[in-house]
Amino acid sequence: MDATWSRAKFIPFRGASGGSYVASGPFRGVLHTAEAKQYFPSDTSYFGHSNPPHFTLALEGGTAKVYQHFSIKTAARALENLAGGVQTNRLCAIQIEIAWTATEIAALPKPMLEMLRQWMRWVEAQTGVKRAAPKFMDQKAYGYGSPTRMSFDEWNGFNGWCGHQHVPENAHWDPGVINIDYLLSDDED
């Protein structure tokens, strides 16, 4: 497994990573939205907090760029993880924040969609994440008891692509109704 994606600009975050993974797999990919369309790279602050994912995808001057904050051989920290529940970040979750909003994700620019899809193929090749995903919903997915939220058992056995809206112990509904069919395809549209 390669620790870093050669197409990403590596900006290691100075704070501690999420620690080691608590299992050897299965791996899963988690898509987030930053709820902001601009990203200002920093090694000490991530959108005003200190819990970055592994990667950030941003649009700069019409060009999609990916920044990497942690090796994929270690956990990131972008998911909530409650005491006494299930592991979220440390259960082999490879995470990316998309510098966009969940309410506007259907209008994600083509360069960002294409870069995200290429990144997903790389993650699949490195970790064995399956090219499959559950249904993605809009704001109806908000809350701990949302219809998209996985149970602990579902999360523990999951291998594929999901959103923040699917992860147990989290209330967020991002990334919204992202074009997951396009992201799972091989076609060069």
N, C-alpha and C. Protein backbone atom coordinates (compact mmCIF):
# COMPACT_ATOMS: atom_id res chain seq x y z
N MET A 1 0.85 -1.18 0.00
CA MET A 1 0.00 0.00 0.00
C MET A 1 0.89 1.24 0.00
N ASP A 2 0.65 2.13 -0.96
CA ASP A 2 1.34 3.42 -0.97
C ASP A 2 0.69 4.32 0.07
N ALA A 3 1.50 5.03 0.83
CA ALA A 3 1.00 5.89 1.91
C ALA A 3 0.44 7.21 1.41
N THR A 4 0.95 7.68 0.26
CA THR A 4 0.53 8.97 -0.27
C THR A 4 0.19 8.84 -1.74
N TRP A 5 -0.72 9.72 -2.19
CA TRP A 5 -1.10 9.76 -3.61
C TRP A 5 -0.16 10.72 -4.31
N SER A 6 0.49 10.27 -5.34
CA SER A 6 1.49 11.09 -6.04
C SER A 6 0.88 12.34 -6.66
N ARG A 7 -0.42 12.36 -6.92
CA ARG A 7 -1.06 13.52 -7.53
C ARG A 7 -1.50 14.56 -6.50
N ALA A 8 -1.39 14.23 -5.22
CA ALA A 8 -1.79 15.15 -4.16
C ALA A 8 -0.59 15.95 -3.68
N LYS A 9 -0.85 17.17 -3.26
CA LYS A 9 0.19 17.97 -2.61
C LYS A 9 0.15 17.58 -1.13
N PHE A 10 1.27 17.04 -0.64
CA PHE A 10 1.31 16.56 0.73
C PHE A 10 1.63 17.72 1.68
N ILE A 11 0.67 18.04 2.53
CA ILE A 11 0.82 19.07 3.56
C ILE A 11 0.52 18.37 4.89
N PRO A 12 1.52 17.72 5.48
CA PRO A 12 1.25 16.97 6.71
C PRO A 12 0.75 17.87 7.83
N PHE A 13 -0.31 17.44 8.48
CA PHE A 13 -0.90 18.21 9.57
C PHE A 13 -0.03 18.03 10.81
N ARG A 14 0.26 19.11 11.50
CA ARG A 14 1.17 19.06 12.64
C ARG A 14 0.59 18.34 13.85
N GLY A 15 -0.71 18.36 13.98
CA GLY A 15 -1.34 17.65 15.10
C GLY A 15 -1.25 16.15 14.90
N ALA A 16 -1.55 15.43 15.94
CA ALA A 16 -1.50 13.97 15.87
C ALA A 16 -2.54 13.44 14.89
N SER A 17 -2.22 12.33 14.27
CA SER A 17 -3.19 11.65 13.40
C SER A 17 -4.27 11.05 14.29
N GLY A 18 -5.16 10.31 13.69
CA GLY A 18 -6.20 9.62 14.45
C GLY A 18 -5.70 8.34 15.11
N GLY A 19 -4.42 8.03 14.93
CA GLY A 19 -3.85 6.83 15.52
C GLY A 19 -3.83 5.67 14.54
N SER A 20 -3.46 4.54 15.03
CA SER A 20 -3.40 3.36 14.18
C SER A 20 -4.81 2.81 13.95
N TYR A 21 -4.95 2.06 12.87
CA TYR A 21 -6.21 1.39 12.61
C TYR A 21 -6.39 0.26 13.63
N VAL A 22 -7.63 -0.01 14.00
CA VAL A 22 -7.91 -1.06 14.98
C VAL A 22 -8.20 -2.41 14.32
N ALA A 23 -8.19 -2.44 13.01
CA ALA A 23 -8.43 -3.67 12.26
C ALA A 23 -7.58 -3.62 10.99
N SER A 24 -7.47 -4.74 10.32
CA SER A 24 -6.72 -4.78 9.07
C SER A 24 -7.64 -4.60 7.87
N GLY A 25 -8.90 -4.38 8.11
CA GLY A 25 -9.88 -4.17 7.05
C GLY A 25 -11.22 -4.70 7.50
N PRO A 26 -12.24 -4.61 6.72
CA PRO A 26 -12.20 -4.02 5.39
C PRO A 26 -12.06 -2.50 5.46
N PHE A 27 -11.43 -1.95 4.42
CA PHE A 27 -11.34 -0.51 4.29
C PHE A 27 -12.65 0.02 3.73
N ARG A 28 -12.90 1.29 3.98
CA ARG A 28 -14.06 1.99 3.45
C ARG A 28 -13.64 3.42 3.15
N GLY A 29 -14.27 4.03 2.15
CA GLY A 29 -14.01 5.42 1.82
C GLY A 29 -15.16 6.28 2.31
N VAL A 30 -14.85 7.44 2.88
CA VAL A 30 -15.87 8.35 3.40
C VAL A 30 -15.73 9.71 2.73
N LEU A 31 -16.82 10.14 2.09
CA LEU A 31 -16.88 11.44 1.42
C LEU A 31 -17.54 12.46 2.33
N HIS A 32 -16.91 13.61 2.48
CA HIS A 32 -17.42 14.72 3.29
C HIS A 32 -17.52 15.96 2.41
N THR A 33 -18.29 16.94 2.84
CA THR A 33 -18.19 18.28 2.27
C THR A 33 -17.77 19.22 3.39
N ALA A 34 -16.93 20.18 3.02
CA ALA A 34 -16.38 21.12 4.00
C ALA A 34 -17.38 22.23 4.35
N GLU A 35 -18.43 22.36 3.56
CA GLU A 35 -19.42 23.44 3.71
C GLU A 35 -18.79 24.80 3.46
N ALA A 36 -17.76 24.80 2.66
CA ALA A 36 -17.09 26.02 2.19
C ALA A 36 -16.49 25.69 0.83
N LYS A 37 -16.47 26.65 -0.06
CA LYS A 37 -15.97 26.39 -1.41
C LYS A 37 -14.53 26.83 -1.61
N GLN A 38 -13.93 27.37 -0.59
CA GLN A 38 -12.52 27.74 -0.68
C GLN A 38 -11.75 27.00 0.39
N TYR A 39 -10.56 26.61 0.03
CA TYR A 39 -9.69 25.94 0.99
C TYR A 39 -8.37 26.68 1.05
N PHE A 40 -7.94 26.99 2.25
CA PHE A 40 -6.67 27.67 2.47
C PHE A 40 -5.75 26.69 3.19
N PRO A 41 -4.86 26.04 2.45
CA PRO A 41 -4.01 25.00 3.03
C PRO A 41 -3.23 25.49 4.24
N SER A 42 -3.22 24.66 5.27
CA SER A 42 -2.51 24.95 6.50
C SER A 42 -2.10 23.64 7.14
N ASP A 43 -1.01 23.66 7.86
CA ASP A 43 -0.59 22.45 8.58
C ASP A 43 -0.95 22.50 10.06
N THR A 44 -1.70 23.56 10.46
CA THR A 44 -2.07 23.69 11.87
C THR A 44 -3.56 23.92 12.12
N SER A 45 -4.30 24.38 11.10
CA SER A 45 -5.73 24.64 11.27
C SER A 45 -6.48 24.10 10.06
N TYR A 46 -7.58 23.42 10.32
CA TYR A 46 -8.38 22.86 9.24
C TYR A 46 -9.80 23.39 9.34
N PHE A 47 -10.15 24.36 8.51
CA PHE A 47 -11.45 25.01 8.55
C PHE A 47 -11.81 25.41 9.99
N GLY A 48 -10.81 25.93 10.72
CA GLY A 48 -11.04 26.45 12.06
C GLY A 48 -10.99 25.41 13.16
N HIS A 49 -10.65 24.18 12.84
CA HIS A 49 -10.53 23.15 13.89
C HIS A 49 -9.26 22.34 13.64
N SER A 50 -9.07 21.28 14.36
CA SER A 50 -7.83 20.49 14.22
C SER A 50 -8.11 19.02 13.97
N ASN A 51 -9.17 18.74 13.21
CA ASN A 51 -9.54 17.35 12.93
C ASN A 51 -9.69 17.11 11.42
N PRO A 52 -8.58 17.12 10.70
CA PRO A 52 -8.67 16.96 9.25
C PRO A 52 -8.88 15.51 8.82
N PRO A 53 -9.34 15.35 7.58
CA PRO A 53 -9.41 14.01 6.97
C PRO A 53 -8.03 13.68 6.39
N HIS A 54 -7.96 12.61 5.65
CA HIS A 54 -6.72 12.29 4.95
C HIS A 54 -6.45 13.28 3.81
N PHE A 55 -7.52 13.67 3.09
CA PHE A 55 -7.38 14.47 1.88
C PHE A 55 -8.42 15.59 1.85
N THR A 56 -8.09 16.63 1.06
CA THR A 56 -9.05 17.70 0.75
C THR A 56 -9.01 17.91 -0.76
N LEU A 57 -10.19 17.99 -1.36
CA LEU A 57 -10.32 18.30 -2.79
C LEU A 57 -10.86 19.72 -2.90
N ALA A 58 -10.17 20.56 -3.67
CA ALA A 58 -10.58 21.95 -3.83
C ALA A 58 -10.46 22.37 -5.28
N LEU A 59 -11.20 23.41 -5.65
CA LEU A 59 -11.12 24.00 -6.98
C LEU A 59 -10.37 25.31 -6.86
N GLU A 60 -9.28 25.42 -7.61
CA GLU A 60 -8.46 26.64 -7.57
C GLU A 60 -8.24 27.11 -9.00
N GLY A 61 -8.83 28.26 -9.31
CA GLY A 61 -8.69 28.80 -10.66
C GLY A 61 -9.19 27.87 -11.74
N GLY A 62 -10.25 27.13 -11.46
CA GLY A 62 -10.83 26.20 -12.42
C GLY A 62 -10.16 24.84 -12.46
N THR A 63 -9.10 24.65 -11.68
CA THR A 63 -8.37 23.38 -11.65
C THR A 63 -8.64 22.67 -10.32
N ALA A 64 -8.96 21.39 -10.41
CA ALA A 64 -9.19 20.59 -9.21
C ALA A 64 -7.84 20.17 -8.64
N LYS A 65 -7.68 20.37 -7.33
CA LYS A 65 -6.44 20.00 -6.65
C LYS A 65 -6.76 19.19 -5.41
N VAL A 66 -5.89 18.24 -5.11
CA VAL A 66 -6.04 17.40 -3.93
C VAL A 66 -4.85 17.65 -3.01
N TYR A 67 -5.16 17.84 -1.74
CA TYR A 67 -4.15 17.99 -0.70
C TYR A 67 -4.25 16.79 0.22
N GLN A 68 -3.09 16.28 0.65
CA GLN A 68 -3.09 15.15 1.57
C GLN A 68 -2.52 15.61 2.91
N HIS A 69 -3.22 15.22 4.00
CA HIS A 69 -2.85 15.65 5.34
C HIS A 69 -2.26 14.55 6.20
N PHE A 70 -2.64 13.29 5.94
CA PHE A 70 -2.12 12.14 6.68
C PHE A 70 -1.87 11.01 5.70
N SER A 71 -0.95 10.14 6.03
CA SER A 71 -0.75 8.90 5.31
C SER A 71 -2.02 8.07 5.40
N ILE A 72 -2.31 7.29 4.36
CA ILE A 72 -3.48 6.40 4.46
C ILE A 72 -3.17 5.16 5.28
N LYS A 73 -1.94 5.06 5.77
CA LYS A 73 -1.58 3.94 6.64
C LYS A 73 -1.90 4.23 8.10
N THR A 74 -2.48 5.40 8.36
CA THR A 74 -2.90 5.78 9.69
C THR A 74 -4.28 6.41 9.61
N ALA A 75 -4.99 6.46 10.70
CA ALA A 75 -6.35 7.02 10.72
C ALA A 75 -6.32 8.54 10.68
N ALA A 76 -7.37 9.12 10.12
CA ALA A 76 -7.60 10.56 10.17
C ALA A 76 -8.55 10.83 11.34
N ARG A 77 -9.04 12.08 11.45
CA ARG A 77 -9.85 12.43 12.63
C ARG A 77 -11.14 13.17 12.29
N ALA A 78 -11.62 13.13 11.07
CA ALA A 78 -12.74 13.97 10.66
C ALA A 78 -14.12 13.46 11.10
N LEU A 79 -14.20 12.25 11.60
CA LEU A 79 -15.47 11.70 12.04
C LEU A 79 -15.61 11.79 13.55
N GLU A 80 -16.83 12.00 14.01
CA GLU A 80 -17.09 11.93 15.44
C GLU A 80 -16.96 10.47 15.87
N ASN A 81 -16.40 10.26 17.05
CA ASN A 81 -16.23 8.91 17.58
C ASN A 81 -16.58 8.96 19.07
N LEU A 82 -17.75 8.47 19.41
CA LEU A 82 -18.22 8.54 20.79
C LEU A 82 -17.61 7.43 21.64
N ALA A 83 -17.39 7.71 22.89
CA ALA A 83 -16.85 6.72 23.82
C ALA A 83 -17.85 5.57 23.99
N GLY A 84 -17.33 4.36 24.01
CA GLY A 84 -18.17 3.20 24.27
C GLY A 84 -18.97 2.69 23.09
N GLY A 85 -18.81 3.28 21.93
CA GLY A 85 -19.57 2.84 20.76
C GLY A 85 -18.71 2.05 19.80
N VAL A 86 -18.83 2.37 18.54
CA VAL A 86 -18.09 1.71 17.48
C VAL A 86 -16.93 2.63 17.07
N GLN A 87 -15.87 2.05 16.55
CA GLN A 87 -14.78 2.86 16.01
C GLN A 87 -15.23 3.47 14.68
N THR A 88 -14.96 4.72 14.48
CA THR A 88 -15.31 5.37 13.21
C THR A 88 -14.02 5.67 12.44
N ASN A 89 -13.27 6.68 12.86
CA ASN A 89 -12.03 7.04 12.18
C ASN A 89 -11.04 5.87 12.09
N ARG A 90 -10.92 5.12 13.15
CA ARG A 90 -9.87 4.11 13.25
C ARG A 90 -10.27 2.76 12.66
N LEU A 91 -11.47 2.66 12.11
CA LEU A 91 -11.89 1.41 11.49
C LEU A 91 -11.65 1.48 9.98
N CYS A 92 -10.38 1.72 9.61
CA CYS A 92 -9.95 1.68 8.21
C CYS A 92 -10.76 2.60 7.31
N ALA A 93 -11.07 3.81 7.81
CA ALA A 93 -11.84 4.79 7.04
C ALA A 93 -10.91 5.78 6.35
N ILE A 94 -10.85 5.74 5.03
CA ILE A 94 -10.06 6.70 4.26
C ILE A 94 -11.01 7.84 3.91
N GLN A 95 -10.64 9.07 4.32
CA GLN A 95 -11.57 10.19 4.27
C GLN A 95 -11.09 11.34 3.39
N ILE A 96 -12.04 11.96 2.70
CA ILE A 96 -11.75 13.15 1.89
C ILE A 96 -12.85 14.19 2.13
N GLU A 97 -12.42 15.43 2.33
CA GLU A 97 -13.34 16.57 2.39
C GLU A 97 -13.34 17.22 1.02
N ILE A 98 -14.52 17.51 0.52
CA ILE A 98 -14.69 18.22 -0.74
C ILE A 98 -15.00 19.66 -0.39
N ALA A 99 -14.20 20.59 -0.85
CA ALA A 99 -14.42 22.01 -0.57
C ALA A 99 -15.62 22.48 -1.39
N TRP A 100 -16.80 22.15 -0.88
CA TRP A 100 -18.07 22.46 -1.52
C TRP A 100 -19.14 22.35 -0.45
N THR A 101 -20.40 22.59 -0.80
CA THR A 101 -21.49 22.47 0.17
C THR A 101 -22.39 21.29 -0.18
N ALA A 102 -22.97 20.69 0.83
CA ALA A 102 -23.86 19.55 0.61
C ALA A 102 -25.11 19.97 -0.17
N THR A 103 -25.62 21.17 0.08
CA THR A 103 -26.83 21.61 -0.62
C THR A 103 -26.59 21.85 -2.10
N GLU A 104 -25.34 22.08 -2.49
CA GLU A 104 -25.01 22.36 -3.90
C GLU A 104 -24.16 21.27 -4.54
N ILE A 105 -24.09 20.11 -3.92
CA ILE A 105 -23.20 19.05 -4.41
C ILE A 105 -23.58 18.57 -5.82
N ALA A 106 -24.84 18.69 -6.20
CA ALA A 106 -25.24 18.29 -7.55
C ALA A 106 -24.60 19.18 -8.61
N ALA A 107 -24.15 20.37 -8.21
CA ALA A 107 -23.50 21.29 -9.14
C ALA A 107 -21.97 21.27 -8.98
N LEU A 108 -21.44 20.20 -8.40
CA LEU A 108 -19.99 20.09 -8.26
C LEU A 108 -19.36 20.15 -9.64
N PRO A 109 -18.41 21.05 -9.85
CA PRO A 109 -17.81 21.20 -11.18
C PRO A 109 -17.17 19.91 -11.69
N LYS A 110 -17.27 19.72 -12.98
CA LYS A 110 -16.76 18.51 -13.63
C LYS A 110 -15.29 18.23 -13.29
N PRO A 111 -14.40 19.24 -13.26
CA PRO A 111 -13.02 18.92 -12.90
C PRO A 111 -12.90 18.32 -11.50
N MET A 112 -13.74 18.75 -10.57
CA MET A 112 -13.71 18.19 -9.22
C MET A 112 -14.26 16.76 -9.21
N LEU A 113 -15.35 16.54 -9.92
CA LEU A 113 -15.91 15.19 -10.02
C LEU A 113 -14.89 14.22 -10.61
N GLU A 114 -14.22 14.64 -11.67
CA GLU A 114 -13.26 13.77 -12.33
C GLU A 114 -12.06 13.49 -11.44
N MET A 115 -11.56 14.51 -10.75
CA MET A 115 -10.42 14.31 -9.85
C MET A 115 -10.82 13.39 -8.69
N LEU A 116 -12.03 13.58 -8.18
CA LEU A 116 -12.51 12.74 -7.09
C LEU A 116 -12.61 11.28 -7.55
N ARG A 117 -13.10 11.08 -8.74
CA ARG A 117 -13.22 9.72 -9.27
C ARG A 117 -11.84 9.08 -9.44
N GLN A 118 -10.87 9.83 -9.93
CA GLN A 118 -9.50 9.31 -10.09
C GLN A 118 -8.90 8.97 -8.73
N TRP A 119 -9.14 9.83 -7.75
CA TRP A 119 -8.65 9.57 -6.40
C TRP A 119 -9.29 8.29 -5.84
N MET A 120 -10.58 8.12 -6.07
CA MET A 120 -11.28 6.92 -5.60
C MET A 120 -10.68 5.65 -6.21
N ARG A 121 -10.33 5.67 -7.50
CA ARG A 121 -9.70 4.51 -8.13
C ARG A 121 -8.36 4.20 -7.46
N TRP A 122 -7.60 5.25 -7.12
CA TRP A 122 -6.32 5.05 -6.43
C TRP A 122 -6.55 4.41 -5.06
N VAL A 123 -7.50 4.93 -4.30
CA VAL A 123 -7.79 4.37 -2.98
C VAL A 123 -8.20 2.91 -3.10
N GLU A 124 -9.05 2.61 -4.07
CA GLU A 124 -9.47 1.22 -4.29
C GLU A 124 -8.27 0.32 -4.56
N ALA A 125 -7.34 0.79 -5.40
CA ALA A 125 -6.16 0.00 -5.74
C ALA A 125 -5.25 -0.21 -4.53
N GLN A 126 -5.18 0.78 -3.67
CA GLN A 126 -4.30 0.69 -2.50
C GLN A 126 -4.88 -0.14 -1.37
N THR A 127 -6.20 -0.09 -1.19
CA THR A 127 -6.81 -0.63 0.03
C THR A 127 -7.81 -1.75 -0.19
N GLY A 128 -8.26 -1.95 -1.42
CA GLY A 128 -9.28 -2.95 -1.68
C GLY A 128 -10.69 -2.47 -1.41
N VAL A 129 -10.90 -1.14 -1.25
CA VAL A 129 -12.26 -0.63 -1.10
C VAL A 129 -13.06 -1.06 -2.33
N LYS A 130 -14.22 -1.65 -2.09
CA LYS A 130 -15.07 -2.11 -3.20
C LYS A 130 -15.74 -0.92 -3.87
N ARG A 131 -15.99 -1.05 -5.15
CA ARG A 131 -16.67 -0.01 -5.92
C ARG A 131 -18.17 -0.20 -5.78
N ALA A 132 -18.67 0.14 -4.61
CA ALA A 132 -20.08 0.03 -4.29
C ALA A 132 -20.42 1.11 -3.27
N ALA A 133 -21.70 1.47 -3.20
CA ALA A 133 -22.11 2.53 -2.28
C ALA A 133 -23.58 2.39 -1.93
N PRO A 134 -23.95 2.82 -0.71
CA PRO A 134 -25.37 2.89 -0.36
C PRO A 134 -25.99 4.13 -1.02
N LYS A 135 -27.28 4.31 -0.84
CA LYS A 135 -27.99 5.48 -1.36
C LYS A 135 -27.54 6.73 -0.61
N PHE A 136 -27.35 7.81 -1.35
CA PHE A 136 -27.02 9.11 -0.76
C PHE A 136 -28.28 9.97 -0.77
N MET A 137 -28.53 10.66 0.34
CA MET A 137 -29.74 11.49 0.48
C MET A 137 -29.39 12.95 0.75
N ASP A 138 -30.42 13.78 0.70
CA ASP A 138 -30.29 15.20 1.00
C ASP A 138 -30.37 15.42 2.51
N GLN A 139 -30.80 16.59 2.93
CA GLN A 139 -30.84 16.93 4.35
C GLN A 139 -31.74 16.01 5.18
N LYS A 140 -32.55 15.20 4.55
CA LYS A 140 -33.35 14.21 5.30
C LYS A 140 -32.45 13.19 6.00
N ALA A 141 -31.17 13.15 5.60
CA ALA A 141 -30.21 12.22 6.20
C ALA A 141 -29.58 12.80 7.47
N TYR A 142 -30.00 14.00 7.87
CA TYR A 142 -29.44 14.61 9.07
C TYR A 142 -29.93 13.89 10.34
N GLY A 143 -29.05 13.75 11.30
CA GLY A 143 -29.43 13.23 12.61
C GLY A 143 -28.87 11.84 12.87
N TYR A 144 -28.77 11.52 14.15
CA TYR A 144 -28.22 10.23 14.55
C TYR A 144 -29.11 9.06 14.12
N GLY A 145 -30.39 9.29 13.99
CA GLY A 145 -31.31 8.22 13.59
C GLY A 145 -31.76 8.33 12.15
N SER A 146 -30.97 8.96 11.31
CA SER A 146 -31.38 9.17 9.92
C SER A 146 -31.55 7.85 9.17
N PRO A 147 -32.32 7.88 8.07
CA PRO A 147 -32.54 6.65 7.31
C PRO A 147 -31.28 6.13 6.61
N THR A 148 -30.24 6.96 6.48
CA THR A 148 -29.01 6.49 5.84
C THR A 148 -27.97 5.99 6.83
N ARG A 149 -28.15 6.30 8.11
CA ARG A 149 -27.14 5.97 9.12
C ARG A 149 -27.00 4.46 9.28
N MET A 150 -25.76 3.96 9.23
CA MET A 150 -25.52 2.53 9.40
C MET A 150 -25.58 2.16 10.88
N SER A 151 -25.99 0.93 11.13
CA SER A 151 -25.89 0.38 12.49
C SER A 151 -24.42 0.07 12.76
N PHE A 152 -24.09 -0.22 13.99
CA PHE A 152 -22.71 -0.58 14.33
C PHE A 152 -22.28 -1.80 13.53
N ASP A 153 -23.14 -2.81 13.44
CA ASP A 153 -22.79 -4.03 12.71
C ASP A 153 -22.59 -3.75 11.22
N GLU A 154 -23.46 -2.92 10.63
CA GLU A 154 -23.31 -2.57 9.21
C GLU A 154 -21.98 -1.86 8.97
N TRP A 155 -21.65 -0.91 9.85
CA TRP A 155 -20.40 -0.16 9.72
C TRP A 155 -19.20 -1.09 9.87
N ASN A 156 -19.24 -1.96 10.85
CA ASN A 156 -18.11 -2.86 11.09
C ASN A 156 -17.81 -3.74 9.89
N GLY A 157 -18.82 -4.14 9.13
CA GLY A 157 -18.62 -5.01 7.98
C GLY A 157 -18.58 -4.29 6.64
N PHE A 158 -18.73 -2.96 6.64
CA PHE A 158 -18.86 -2.22 5.39
C PHE A 158 -17.55 -2.16 4.62
N ASN A 159 -17.64 -2.38 3.31
CA ASN A 159 -16.52 -2.21 2.40
C ASN A 159 -17.07 -1.56 1.15
N GLY A 160 -16.79 -0.28 0.97
CA GLY A 160 -17.28 0.47 -0.18
C GLY A 160 -17.13 1.95 0.09
N TRP A 161 -17.92 2.74 -0.63
CA TRP A 161 -17.89 4.20 -0.53
C TRP A 161 -19.15 4.68 0.16
N CYS A 162 -18.99 5.54 1.13
CA CYS A 162 -20.14 6.10 1.83
C CYS A 162 -19.88 7.58 2.08
N GLY A 163 -20.87 8.23 2.64
CA GLY A 163 -20.74 9.63 3.01
C GLY A 163 -20.74 9.77 4.51
N HIS A 164 -20.44 10.95 4.97
CA HIS A 164 -20.51 11.26 6.40
C HIS A 164 -21.90 10.90 6.91
N GLN A 165 -22.91 11.06 6.06
CA GLN A 165 -24.30 10.78 6.43
C GLN A 165 -24.57 9.31 6.76
N HIS A 166 -23.67 8.43 6.40
CA HIS A 166 -23.87 7.00 6.64
C HIS A 166 -23.19 6.49 7.91
N VAL A 167 -22.26 7.25 8.45
CA VAL A 167 -21.40 6.78 9.54
C VAL A 167 -22.12 6.84 10.89
N PRO A 168 -22.11 5.74 11.65
CA PRO A 168 -22.75 5.77 12.97
C PRO A 168 -22.05 6.78 13.89
N GLU A 169 -22.76 7.20 14.92
CA GLU A 169 -22.27 8.16 15.91
C GLU A 169 -22.08 9.57 15.35
N ASN A 170 -22.51 9.81 14.11
CA ASN A 170 -22.39 11.12 13.48
C ASN A 170 -23.77 11.60 13.06
N ALA A 171 -24.01 12.90 13.16
CA ALA A 171 -25.31 13.46 12.80
C ALA A 171 -25.30 14.16 11.45
N HIS A 172 -24.14 14.41 10.88
CA HIS A 172 -24.02 15.16 9.63
C HIS A 172 -24.73 14.46 8.47
N TRP A 173 -25.12 15.25 7.46
CA TRP A 173 -25.77 14.66 6.29
C TRP A 173 -24.96 14.86 5.01
N ASP A 174 -23.77 15.41 5.15
CA ASP A 174 -22.92 15.59 3.97
C ASP A 174 -22.44 14.24 3.42
N PRO A 175 -22.15 14.14 2.17
CA PRO A 175 -22.02 15.20 1.19
C PRO A 175 -23.30 15.53 0.44
N GLY A 176 -24.44 15.02 0.89
CA GLY A 176 -25.68 15.24 0.16
C GLY A 176 -25.81 14.25 -0.99
N VAL A 177 -26.63 14.60 -1.97
CA VAL A 177 -26.91 13.69 -3.09
C VAL A 177 -25.83 13.87 -4.16
N ILE A 178 -24.66 13.36 -3.84
CA ILE A 178 -23.53 13.43 -4.77
C ILE A 178 -23.77 12.45 -5.91
N ASN A 179 -23.18 12.70 -7.06
CA ASN A 179 -23.37 11.84 -8.23
C ASN A 179 -22.53 10.57 -8.07
N ILE A 180 -22.96 9.70 -7.18
CA ILE A 180 -22.19 8.50 -6.86
C ILE A 180 -22.11 7.54 -8.04
N ASP A 181 -23.14 7.50 -8.91
CA ASP A 181 -23.07 6.63 -10.09
C ASP A 181 -21.91 7.03 -10.99
N TYR A 182 -21.74 8.31 -11.21
CA TYR A 182 -20.61 8.80 -12.01
C TYR A 182 -19.29 8.46 -11.31
N LEU A 183 -19.23 8.68 -10.01
CA LEU A 183 -17.99 8.44 -9.27
C LEU A 183 -17.61 6.97 -9.24
N LEU A 184 -18.57 6.08 -9.34
CA LEU A 184 -18.27 4.65 -9.35
C LEU A 184 -17.98 4.11 -10.75
N SER A 185 -18.21 4.92 -11.76
CA SER A 185 -18.04 4.47 -13.15
C SER A 185 -16.60 4.61 -13.61
N ASP A 186 -16.31 3.93 -14.72
CA ASP A 186 -14.99 4.04 -15.37
C ASP A 186 -15.05 4.97 -16.57
N ASP A 187 -16.25 5.30 -17.01
CA ASP A 187 -16.41 6.07 -18.26
C ASP A 187 -15.76 7.44 -18.17
N GLU A 188 -15.19 7.85 -19.28
CA GLU A 188 -14.62 9.20 -19.42
C GLU A 188 -15.66 10.05 -20.14
N ASP A 189 -16.64 10.56 -19.42
CA ASP A 189 -17.73 11.33 -20.04
C ASP A 189 -17.26 12.68 -20.49
